[in-house]
Protein backbone atom coordinates (compact mmCIF):
# COMPACT_ATOMS: atom_id res chain seq x y z
CA MET A 1 114.55 87.35 84.08
CA ASP A 2 114.55 89.86 86.93
CA ARG A 3 116.85 89.05 89.79
CA LYS A 4 115.70 89.77 93.33
CA VAL A 5 117.59 92.56 95.08
CA ALA A 6 117.25 93.49 98.75
CA ALA A 7 118.79 96.25 100.81
CA ALA A 8 118.61 97.31 104.44
CA LEU A 9 118.92 100.91 105.54
CA LYS A 10 119.53 102.40 108.96
CA PHE A 11 119.29 105.96 110.18
CA ASP A 12 120.43 107.23 113.56
CA PRO A 13 119.69 110.95 113.76
CA THR A 14 122.20 111.35 116.59
CA SER A 15 125.15 110.21 114.48
CA ASP A 16 124.15 110.05 110.80
CA ARG A 17 123.60 112.88 108.35
CA ALA A 18 121.68 110.54 106.04
CA PRO A 19 120.41 106.95 106.07
CA ARG A 20 123.17 104.37 105.75
CA LEU A 21 123.23 101.15 103.70
CA VAL A 22 123.77 98.27 106.14
CA ALA A 23 122.99 95.20 103.98
CA LEU A 24 122.69 94.56 100.27
CA GLY A 25 122.45 91.50 98.08
CA GLU A 26 121.05 89.81 95.00
CA GLY A 27 119.50 86.39 94.50
CA PRO A 28 120.01 84.09 97.50
CA VAL A 29 121.59 86.89 99.57
CA ALA A 30 118.52 89.06 98.91
CA GLU A 31 116.27 86.19 99.99
CA GLU A 32 118.22 85.89 103.26
CA ILE A 33 118.00 89.64 103.92
CA LEU A 34 114.22 89.44 103.42
CA ARG A 35 113.96 86.33 105.60
CA LEU A 36 115.83 88.02 108.44
CA ALA A 37 113.71 91.16 108.10
CA GLN A 38 110.51 89.12 108.27
CA ALA A 39 111.79 87.10 111.24
CA GLY A 40 112.66 90.34 113.03
CA GLU A 41 109.31 91.90 112.11
CA VAL A 42 111.11 94.64 110.20
CA PRO A 43 108.76 96.34 107.70
CA ILE A 44 109.58 95.70 104.05
CA LYS A 45 108.99 98.22 101.26
CA GLU A 46 109.37 97.01 97.69
CA ASP A 47 111.06 99.49 95.36
CA GLY A 48 113.01 97.72 92.63
CA GLU A 49 114.27 100.94 91.09
CA LEU A 50 115.75 102.18 94.37
CA ALA A 51 117.26 98.76 95.11
CA GLY A 52 118.94 98.83 91.70
CA PHE A 53 120.55 102.20 92.47
CA LEU A 54 121.73 100.94 95.85
CA LEU A 55 123.66 98.10 94.16
CA ASP A 56 126.35 100.63 93.24
CA LEU A 57 126.98 101.65 96.87
CA PRO A 58 129.37 100.02 99.33
CA ILE A 59 127.96 98.70 102.61
CA GLY A 60 128.22 101.33 105.33
CA GLN A 61 127.98 104.33 103.02
CA GLU A 62 125.45 107.06 103.61
CA ILE A 63 122.85 107.38 100.88
CA PRO A 64 123.91 110.02 98.32
CA GLU A 65 121.82 113.16 97.93
CA ASN A 66 120.38 112.07 94.57
CA LEU A 67 118.58 109.19 96.38
CA TYR A 68 117.21 111.24 99.30
CA ARG A 69 113.73 111.59 97.80
CA ALA A 70 113.32 107.85 97.12
CA VAL A 71 114.72 106.89 100.52
CA SER A 72 112.57 109.46 102.31
CA ALA A 73 109.49 107.68 100.89
CA VAL A 74 110.68 104.47 102.57
CA PHE A 75 111.20 106.18 105.92
CA ALA A 76 107.83 107.98 105.61
CA MET A 77 106.14 104.59 105.19
CA LEU A 78 107.91 103.31 108.31
CA PHE A 79 106.85 106.41 110.24
CA ARG A 80 103.20 105.82 109.24
CA LEU A 81 103.42 102.10 110.16
CA GLU A 82 104.69 103.05 113.62
CA GLY A 83 101.74 105.39 114.09
CA GLY A 84 103.83 108.52 113.81
CA SER A 85 105.92 107.69 116.88
CA LYS A 86 109.71 108.00 117.07
């Protein structure tokens, strides 16, 4: 049985060199992360493989270089959803 995993990333180009992991959880914690994202109208991108890799990172850590390509796909989707604005 696959267990649900959810992660939240944040990127502030004025202070971060790379996106930062700000929330991560499995099972009920993942469900709560998703619920909060939906309530806050935060876009959700499903990528089980990326979420699995993020499970090894501590909260607050910048994404390591080997995950840049996968994470950039998430941020590209957000950019498109926002119509290419900031």
